[in-house]
């Protein structure tokens, strides 16, 4: 299996087998993937909620850059790194490749 390398123009969404759900009992978000339950932090949840298959990674980063203060390029790099890691684990699909 080859690795899908994400770029700022990539448009990603959760893979078919991955679900982002709010657990009201525990009061936190859960990323449900086969045989695993992950508890992403608030920023990760915000990023995943923007991954609709329509918005590019660059536009997701721009949305966050308008909301949070960080040196130029830091948010874009961190968003891309996070999404690449989730893609490598098989939790995201690049809609331009699919």
N, C-alpha and C. Protein backbone atom coordinates (compact mmCIF):
# COMPACT_ATOMS: atom_id res chain seq x y z
N UNK A 1 0.84 -1.18 0.00
CA UNK A 1 0.00 0.00 0.00
C UNK A 1 0.88 1.24 0.00
N UNK A 2 0.63 2.16 -0.90
CA UNK A 2 1.45 3.36 -0.98
C UNK A 2 0.86 4.46 -0.09
N UNK A 3 1.71 5.32 0.36
CA UNK A 3 1.33 6.42 1.24
C UNK A 3 0.78 7.56 0.41
N UNK A 4 -0.38 8.09 0.79
CA UNK A 4 -0.95 9.26 0.14
C UNK A 4 -0.33 10.49 0.80
N UNK A 5 0.42 11.26 0.04
CA UNK A 5 1.06 12.46 0.57
C UNK A 5 0.09 13.62 0.38
N UNK A 6 -0.30 14.23 1.50
CA UNK A 6 -1.22 15.35 1.46
C UNK A 6 -0.46 16.64 1.16
N UNK A 7 -1.13 17.53 0.45
CA UNK A 7 -0.59 18.84 0.12
C UNK A 7 -1.63 19.88 0.52
N UNK A 8 -1.28 21.16 0.57
CA UNK A 8 -2.26 22.17 0.97
C UNK A 8 -3.55 22.17 0.14
N UNK A 9 -3.48 21.74 -1.12
CA UNK A 9 -4.69 21.69 -1.95
C UNK A 9 -5.53 20.44 -1.73
N UNK A 10 -5.04 19.48 -0.96
CA UNK A 10 -5.80 18.25 -0.69
C UNK A 10 -7.11 18.59 0.01
N UNK A 11 -8.13 17.84 -0.31
CA UNK A 11 -9.46 18.00 0.30
C UNK A 11 -9.80 16.68 0.98
N UNK A 12 -9.67 16.67 2.29
CA UNK A 12 -9.81 15.42 3.03
C UNK A 12 -11.12 15.35 3.81
N UNK A 13 -11.53 14.13 4.07
CA UNK A 13 -12.67 13.86 4.94
C UNK A 13 -12.36 12.59 5.72
N UNK A 14 -13.14 12.35 6.76
CA UNK A 14 -12.95 11.12 7.52
C UNK A 14 -13.21 9.93 6.60
N UNK A 15 -12.43 8.89 6.78
CA UNK A 15 -12.63 7.65 6.03
C UNK A 15 -13.98 7.05 6.40
N UNK A 16 -14.50 6.20 5.54
CA UNK A 16 -15.81 5.58 5.78
C UNK A 16 -15.92 4.89 7.13
N UNK A 17 -14.85 4.31 7.59
CA UNK A 17 -14.87 3.55 8.84
C UNK A 17 -14.56 4.39 10.08
N UNK A 18 -14.34 5.69 9.92
CA UNK A 18 -14.01 6.58 11.05
C UNK A 18 -15.19 7.51 11.34
N UNK A 19 -15.47 7.72 12.60
CA UNK A 19 -16.58 8.58 13.01
C UNK A 19 -16.12 9.50 14.13
N UNK A 20 -16.49 10.76 14.03
CA UNK A 20 -16.26 11.73 15.09
C UNK A 20 -17.59 11.92 15.81
N UNK A 21 -17.63 11.57 17.08
CA UNK A 21 -18.87 11.62 17.85
C UNK A 21 -18.62 12.27 19.20
N UNK A 22 -19.64 13.01 19.67
CA UNK A 22 -19.57 13.59 21.00
C UNK A 22 -20.18 12.61 21.99
N UNK A 23 -19.43 12.30 23.03
CA UNK A 23 -19.91 11.41 24.09
C UNK A 23 -20.46 12.29 25.21
N UNK A 24 -21.78 12.41 25.26
CA UNK A 24 -22.42 13.26 26.25
C UNK A 24 -22.19 12.80 27.67
N UNK A 25 -22.08 11.51 27.87
CA UNK A 25 -21.86 10.96 29.21
C UNK A 25 -20.50 11.40 29.76
N UNK A 26 -19.49 11.37 28.91
CA UNK A 26 -18.14 11.76 29.33
C UNK A 26 -17.84 13.23 29.05
N UNK A 27 -18.69 13.87 28.25
CA UNK A 27 -18.50 15.28 27.95
C UNK A 27 -17.30 15.57 27.07
N UNK A 28 -17.00 14.65 26.14
CA UNK A 28 -15.86 14.88 25.25
C UNK A 28 -16.09 14.20 23.90
N UNK A 29 -15.30 14.65 22.93
CA UNK A 29 -15.37 14.10 21.58
C UNK A 29 -14.56 12.82 21.51
N UNK A 30 -15.02 11.92 20.67
CA UNK A 30 -14.33 10.65 20.43
C UNK A 30 -14.18 10.45 18.93
N UNK A 31 -13.03 9.97 18.54
CA UNK A 31 -12.80 9.55 17.16
C UNK A 31 -12.85 8.02 17.19
N UNK A 32 -13.90 7.48 16.58
CA UNK A 32 -14.12 6.04 16.59
C UNK A 32 -13.58 5.45 15.30
N UNK A 33 -12.63 4.54 15.44
CA UNK A 33 -12.03 3.85 14.30
C UNK A 33 -12.02 2.36 14.65
N UNK A 34 -11.87 1.48 13.67
CA UNK A 34 -11.93 0.05 13.97
C UNK A 34 -11.02 -0.35 15.14
N UNK A 35 -11.65 -0.95 16.13
CA UNK A 35 -10.97 -1.49 17.30
C UNK A 35 -10.24 -0.45 18.14
N UNK A 36 -10.58 0.84 17.95
CA UNK A 36 -9.94 1.90 18.74
C UNK A 36 -10.95 3.01 19.00
N UNK A 37 -10.73 3.68 20.12
CA UNK A 37 -11.44 4.92 20.43
C UNK A 37 -10.37 5.92 20.81
N UNK A 38 -10.33 7.03 20.08
CA UNK A 38 -9.34 8.06 20.35
C UNK A 38 -10.06 9.27 20.92
N UNK A 39 -9.38 10.01 21.80
CA UNK A 39 -9.96 11.22 22.38
C UNK A 39 -9.14 12.42 21.93
N UNK A 40 -9.52 13.02 20.80
CA UNK A 40 -8.77 14.16 20.28
C UNK A 40 -8.96 15.40 21.16
N UNK A 41 -7.95 16.27 21.16
CA UNK A 41 -8.08 17.52 21.91
C UNK A 41 -9.00 18.48 21.14
N UNK A 42 -9.31 19.62 21.76
CA UNK A 42 -10.29 20.55 21.18
C UNK A 42 -9.87 21.07 19.80
N UNK A 43 -8.60 21.37 19.61
CA UNK A 43 -8.14 21.88 18.32
C UNK A 43 -8.24 20.79 17.26
N UNK A 44 -7.87 19.58 17.60
CA UNK A 44 -7.99 18.46 16.65
C UNK A 44 -9.45 18.27 16.25
N UNK A 45 -10.37 18.35 17.21
CA UNK A 45 -11.80 18.23 16.90
C UNK A 45 -12.22 19.32 15.93
N UNK A 46 -11.77 20.55 16.20
CA UNK A 46 -12.11 21.67 15.32
C UNK A 46 -11.61 21.43 13.90
N UNK A 47 -10.40 20.92 13.78
CA UNK A 47 -9.84 20.62 12.46
C UNK A 47 -10.64 19.51 11.78
N UNK A 48 -10.92 18.44 12.51
CA UNK A 48 -11.67 17.32 11.92
C UNK A 48 -13.07 17.73 11.49
N UNK A 49 -13.69 18.64 12.22
CA UNK A 49 -15.02 19.11 11.84
C UNK A 49 -14.98 19.91 10.53
N UNK A 50 -13.84 20.48 10.21
CA UNK A 50 -13.69 21.23 8.96
C UNK A 50 -13.32 20.33 7.78
N UNK A 51 -12.98 19.09 8.05
CA UNK A 51 -12.59 18.13 7.01
C UNK A 51 -13.84 17.51 6.39
N UNK A 52 -14.43 18.24 5.46
CA UNK A 52 -15.70 17.81 4.85
C UNK A 52 -15.54 17.28 3.44
N UNK A 53 -14.31 17.20 2.95
CA UNK A 53 -14.08 16.75 1.59
C UNK A 53 -14.21 17.86 0.57
N UNK A 54 -14.66 19.03 0.99
CA UNK A 54 -14.81 20.18 0.10
C UNK A 54 -13.72 21.23 0.36
N UNK A 55 -13.45 21.49 1.63
CA UNK A 55 -12.45 22.51 2.00
C UNK A 55 -11.05 21.94 1.83
N UNK A 56 -10.17 22.74 1.27
CA UNK A 56 -8.77 22.32 1.14
C UNK A 56 -8.08 22.45 2.50
N UNK A 57 -6.98 21.76 2.64
CA UNK A 57 -6.20 21.87 3.88
C UNK A 57 -5.75 23.32 4.06
N UNK A 58 -5.40 23.99 2.98
CA UNK A 58 -4.99 25.40 3.05
C UNK A 58 -6.13 26.27 3.58
N UNK A 59 -7.36 26.02 3.14
CA UNK A 59 -8.48 26.83 3.62
C UNK A 59 -8.83 26.50 5.08
N UNK A 60 -8.64 25.26 5.47
CA UNK A 60 -8.84 24.89 6.88
C UNK A 60 -7.82 25.63 7.74
N UNK A 61 -6.57 25.65 7.31
CA UNK A 61 -5.53 26.37 8.04
C UNK A 61 -5.83 27.86 8.09
N UNK A 62 -6.31 28.43 6.98
CA UNK A 62 -6.64 29.86 6.94
C UNK A 62 -7.76 30.19 7.93
N UNK A 63 -8.74 29.31 8.03
CA UNK A 63 -9.83 29.50 8.99
C UNK A 63 -9.28 29.55 10.40
N UNK A 64 -8.37 28.65 10.72
CA UNK A 64 -7.78 28.62 12.06
C UNK A 64 -6.83 29.80 12.29
N UNK A 65 -6.11 30.21 11.24
CA UNK A 65 -5.20 31.36 11.37
C UNK A 65 -5.96 32.64 11.65
N UNK A 66 -7.21 32.74 11.17
CA UNK A 66 -8.04 33.91 11.44
C UNK A 66 -8.54 33.92 12.88
N UNK A 67 -8.56 32.77 13.50
CA UNK A 67 -9.10 32.62 14.86
C UNK A 67 -8.02 32.62 15.94
N UNK A 68 -6.86 32.05 15.64
CA UNK A 68 -5.79 31.89 16.62
C UNK A 68 -4.54 32.67 16.20
N UNK A 69 -3.77 33.10 17.19
CA UNK A 69 -2.55 33.85 16.94
C UNK A 69 -1.35 32.90 16.99
N UNK A 70 -0.57 32.93 15.93
CA UNK A 70 0.65 32.11 15.86
C UNK A 70 1.56 32.73 14.82
N UNK A 71 2.86 32.47 14.89
CA UNK A 71 3.77 32.97 13.87
C UNK A 71 3.35 32.46 12.48
N UNK A 72 3.66 33.23 11.43
CA UNK A 72 3.26 32.84 10.07
C UNK A 72 3.70 31.42 9.72
N UNK A 73 2.79 30.67 9.17
CA UNK A 73 3.09 29.32 8.70
C UNK A 73 2.98 28.22 9.73
N UNK A 74 2.97 28.56 11.01
CA UNK A 74 2.96 27.53 12.05
C UNK A 74 1.66 26.74 12.03
N UNK A 75 0.53 27.43 11.98
CA UNK A 75 -0.76 26.73 11.99
C UNK A 75 -0.90 25.86 10.75
N UNK A 76 -0.55 26.40 9.59
CA UNK A 76 -0.66 25.63 8.34
C UNK A 76 0.18 24.37 8.41
N UNK A 77 1.39 24.48 8.93
CA UNK A 77 2.29 23.33 9.03
C UNK A 77 1.74 22.29 10.02
N UNK A 78 1.23 22.77 11.16
CA UNK A 78 0.71 21.84 12.16
C UNK A 78 -0.57 21.15 11.70
N UNK A 79 -1.43 21.87 10.98
CA UNK A 79 -2.64 21.26 10.44
C UNK A 79 -2.26 20.18 9.43
N UNK A 80 -1.35 20.50 8.54
CA UNK A 80 -0.91 19.52 7.53
C UNK A 80 -0.27 18.30 8.20
N UNK A 81 0.57 18.52 9.21
CA UNK A 81 1.21 17.41 9.93
C UNK A 81 0.18 16.51 10.60
N UNK A 82 -0.80 17.11 11.27
CA UNK A 82 -1.84 16.33 11.95
C UNK A 82 -2.63 15.51 10.94
N UNK A 83 -3.07 16.16 9.86
CA UNK A 83 -3.88 15.45 8.88
C UNK A 83 -3.08 14.37 8.15
N UNK A 84 -1.79 14.62 7.92
CA UNK A 84 -0.95 13.59 7.29
C UNK A 84 -0.85 12.38 8.21
N UNK A 85 -0.67 12.61 9.50
CA UNK A 85 -0.59 11.50 10.46
C UNK A 85 -1.89 10.69 10.46
N UNK A 86 -3.03 11.38 10.49
CA UNK A 86 -4.32 10.67 10.48
C UNK A 86 -4.53 9.94 9.15
N UNK A 87 -4.08 10.53 8.06
CA UNK A 87 -4.17 9.87 6.76
C UNK A 87 -3.30 8.62 6.72
N UNK A 88 -2.08 8.73 7.25
CA UNK A 88 -1.17 7.58 7.29
C UNK A 88 -1.76 6.42 8.09
N UNK A 89 -2.56 6.73 9.09
CA UNK A 89 -3.21 5.70 9.90
C UNK A 89 -4.47 5.14 9.23
N UNK A 90 -4.87 5.75 8.11
CA UNK A 90 -6.05 5.29 7.39
C UNK A 90 -7.35 5.88 7.86
N UNK A 91 -7.29 6.97 8.64
CA UNK A 91 -8.50 7.57 9.20
C UNK A 91 -9.08 8.67 8.32
N UNK A 92 -8.32 9.12 7.31
CA UNK A 92 -8.78 10.17 6.40
C UNK A 92 -8.69 9.69 4.96
N UNK A 93 -9.50 10.30 4.12
CA UNK A 93 -9.48 10.03 2.69
C UNK A 93 -9.27 11.35 1.96
N UNK A 94 -8.35 11.37 1.01
CA UNK A 94 -8.14 12.55 0.16
C UNK A 94 -9.16 12.47 -0.97
N UNK A 95 -10.11 13.37 -0.98
CA UNK A 95 -11.20 13.33 -1.95
C UNK A 95 -10.74 13.59 -3.38
N UNK A 96 -9.58 14.21 -3.56
CA UNK A 96 -9.07 14.44 -4.91
C UNK A 96 -8.48 13.17 -5.51
N UNK A 97 -8.07 12.25 -4.65
CA UNK A 97 -7.46 11.00 -5.11
C UNK A 97 -8.51 9.90 -5.23
N UNK A 98 -9.48 9.91 -4.31
CA UNK A 98 -10.47 8.82 -4.21
C UNK A 98 -11.29 8.64 -5.46
